[in-house]
Amino acid sequence: MKILVASTLATGHLNPLLAITRVLLGEGHEIAFLTGSAFRDRIESSGAKFISLPAGADFDLRQSHRVVISKIRGALPIRRRRDWRA
């Protein structure tokens, strides 16, 4: 049977799905795994075919602070040092 497994970009979501993937592969199923490119090596080493998320949805959560900062930049007022005093 051909099976598509999809995971968010969080390791906590990926790990249990990889365990299930290994069981299914052991039973002879063909697995394709859709997730972020940061997990390519882990997916391919499990024996499943890797499919990357589209560019707009694919990012490395280890760099999530950059994603958050880029999204809110300009949305929050900048406080200058002199403004910190009560």
C-alpha atoms as a PDB file:
ATOM      1  CA  MET A   1       0.000   0.000   0.000  1.00  0.00           C
ATOM      2  CA  LYS A   2       1.222   3.546  -0.734  1.00  0.00           C
ATOM      3  CA  ILE A   3       0.935   5.854   2.285  1.00  0.00           C
ATOM      4  CA  LEU A   4       1.579   9.572   2.690  1.00  0.00           C
ATOM      5  CA  VAL A   5       2.618  10.739   6.160  1.00  0.00           C
ATOM      6  CA  ALA A   6       2.606  14.487   6.856  1.00  0.00           C
ATOM      7  CA  SER A   7       4.102  16.277   9.840  1.00  0.00           C
ATOM      8  CA  THR A   8       4.443  19.794  11.127  1.00  0.00           C
ATOM      9  CA  LEU A   9       7.930  21.187  11.581  1.00  0.00           C
ATOM     10  CA  ALA A  10       8.150  20.194  15.250  1.00  0.00           C
ATOM     11  CA  THR A  11      10.365  17.312  16.361  1.00  0.00           C
ATOM     12  CA  GLY A  12       7.749  16.264  18.911  1.00  0.00           C
ATOM     13  CA  HIS A  13       5.303  15.675  16.075  1.00  0.00           C
ATOM     14  CA  LEU A  14       7.851  14.024  13.804  1.00  0.00           C
ATOM     15  CA  ASN A  15       9.304  11.423  16.191  1.00  0.00           C
ATOM     16  CA  PRO A  16       6.137   9.342  16.758  1.00  0.00           C
ATOM     17  CA  LEU A  17       5.318   9.457  13.053  1.00  0.00           C
ATOM     18  CA  LEU A  18       8.808   8.189  12.213  1.00  0.00           C
ATOM     19  CA  ALA A  19       8.286   5.250  14.570  1.00  0.00           C
ATOM     20  CA  ILE A  20       5.010   4.406  12.804  1.00  0.00           C
ATOM     21  CA  THR A  21       6.732   4.879   9.426  1.00  0.00           C
ATOM     22  CA  ARG A  22       9.418   2.329  10.337  1.00  0.00           C
ATOM     23  CA  VAL A  23       6.779  -0.234  11.322  1.00  0.00           C
ATOM     24  CA  LEU A  24       4.865   0.323   8.079  1.00  0.00           C
ATOM     25  CA  LEU A  25       8.051   0.075   6.006  1.00  0.00           C
ATOM     26  CA  GLY A  26       8.886  -3.166   7.803  1.00  0.00           C
ATOM     27  CA  GLU A  27       5.509  -4.530   6.721  1.00  0.00           C
ATOM     28  CA  GLY A  28       6.322  -3.724   3.097  1.00  0.00           C
ATOM     29  CA  HIS A  29       4.346  -0.508   2.597  1.00  0.00           C
ATOM     30  CA  GLU A  30       5.679   2.318   0.416  1.00  0.00           C
ATOM     31  CA  ILE A  31       5.885   5.528   2.470  1.00  0.00           C
ATOM     32  CA  ALA A  32       6.241   9.139   1.326  1.00  0.00           C
ATOM     33  CA  PHE A  33       6.804  11.685   4.110  1.00  0.00           C
ATOM     34  CA  LEU A  34       5.800  15.346   3.720  1.00  0.00           C
ATOM     35  CA  THR A  35       7.514  17.715   6.148  1.00  0.00           C
ATOM     36  CA  GLY A  36      10.136  20.460   6.416  1.00  0.00           C
ATOM     37  CA  SER A  37      13.487  20.207   4.663  1.00  0.00           C
ATOM     38  CA  ALA A  38      15.296  20.366   8.032  1.00  0.00           C
ATOM     39  CA  PHE A  39      14.173  16.741   8.512  1.00  0.00           C
ATOM     40  CA  ARG A  40      15.242  15.432   5.084  1.00  0.00           C
ATOM     41  CA  ASP A  41      18.143  13.312   6.412  1.00  0.00           C
ATOM     42  CA  ARG A  42      16.039  11.727   9.154  1.00  0.00           C
ATOM     43  CA  ILE A  43      13.229  10.844   6.757  1.00  0.00           C
ATOM     44  CA  GLU A  44      15.506   9.410   4.086  1.00  0.00           C
ATOM     45  CA  SER A  45      17.532   7.416   6.642  1.00  0.00           C
ATOM     46  CA  SER A  46      14.270   5.772   7.771  1.00  0.00           C
ATOM     47  CA  GLY A  47      13.770   4.466   4.233  1.00  0.00           C
ATOM     48  CA  ALA A  48      10.800   6.674   3.366  1.00  0.00           C
ATOM     49  CA  LYS A  49      10.654   9.006   0.370  1.00  0.00           C
ATOM     50  CA  PHE A  50      11.053  12.649   1.434  1.00  0.00           C
ATOM     51  CA  ILE A  51       8.732  15.362   0.070  1.00  0.00           C
ATOM     52  CA  SER A  52       9.445  18.939   1.134  1.00  0.00           C
ATOM     53  CA  LEU A  53       6.775  21.384   2.216  1.00  0.00           C
ATOM     54  CA  PRO A  54       6.245  24.332  -0.176  1.00  0.00           C
ATOM     55  CA  ALA A  55       8.748  27.169   0.278  1.00  0.00           C
ATOM     56  CA  GLY A  56       6.286  29.435   2.088  1.00  0.00           C
ATOM     57  CA  ALA A  57       5.557  26.781   4.723  1.00  0.00           C
ATOM     58  CA  ASP A  58       9.057  25.335   5.055  1.00  0.00           C
ATOM     59  CA  PHE A  59      11.340  26.741   7.734  1.00  0.00           C
ATOM     60  CA  ASP A  60      13.641  25.389  10.412  1.00  0.00           C
ATOM     61  CA  LEU A  61      12.139  25.735  13.902  1.00  0.00           C
ATOM     62  CA  ARG A  62      15.665  26.049  15.260  1.00  0.00           C
ATOM     63  CA  GLN A  63      15.555  29.459  13.557  1.00  0.00           C
ATOM     64  CA  SER A  64      11.995  30.308  14.660  1.00  0.00           C
ATOM     65  CA  HIS A  65      13.115  33.446  16.476  1.00  0.00           C
ATOM     66  CA  ARG A  66      14.075  34.889  13.077  1.00  0.00           C
ATOM     67  CA  VAL A  67      10.665  34.055  11.636  1.00  0.00           C
ATOM     68  CA  VAL A  68       8.853  35.659  14.561  1.00  0.00           C
ATOM     69  CA  ILE A  69      11.025  38.764  14.511  1.00  0.00           C
ATOM     70  CA  SER A  70      10.557  39.213  10.776  1.00  0.00           C
ATOM     71  CA  LYS A  71       6.765  38.938  11.148  1.00  0.00           C
ATOM     72  CA  ILE A  72       6.445  41.477  13.976  1.00  0.00           C
ATOM     73  CA  ARG A  73       9.119  43.918  12.844  1.00  0.00           C
ATOM     74  CA  GLY A  74       7.440  47.267  12.564  1.00  0.00           C
ATOM     75  CA  ALA A  75       4.311  46.090  14.393  1.00  0.00           C
ATOM     76  CA  LEU A  76       5.596  47.025  17.845  1.00  0.00           C
ATOM     77  CA  PRO A  77       6.732  50.467  18.955  1.00  0.00           C
ATOM     78  CA  ILE A  78      10.466  50.760  19.512  1.00  0.00           C
ATOM     79  CA  ARG A  79      11.319  51.920  23.018  1.00  0.00           C
ATOM     80  CA  ARG A  80      14.453  53.960  23.290  1.00  0.00           C
ATOM     81  CA  ARG A  81      16.628  53.655  26.351  1.00  0.00           C
ATOM     82  CA  ARG A  82      15.433  56.986  27.737  1.00  0.00           C
ATOM     83  CA  ASP A  83      11.829  55.699  27.556  1.00  0.00           C
ATOM     84  CA  TRP A  84      12.588  52.833  29.961  1.00  0.00           C
ATOM     85  CA  ARG A  85      12.618  55.071  33.003  1.00  0.00           C
ATOM     86  CA  ALA A  86       9.337  55.225  34.811  1.00  0.00           C
END
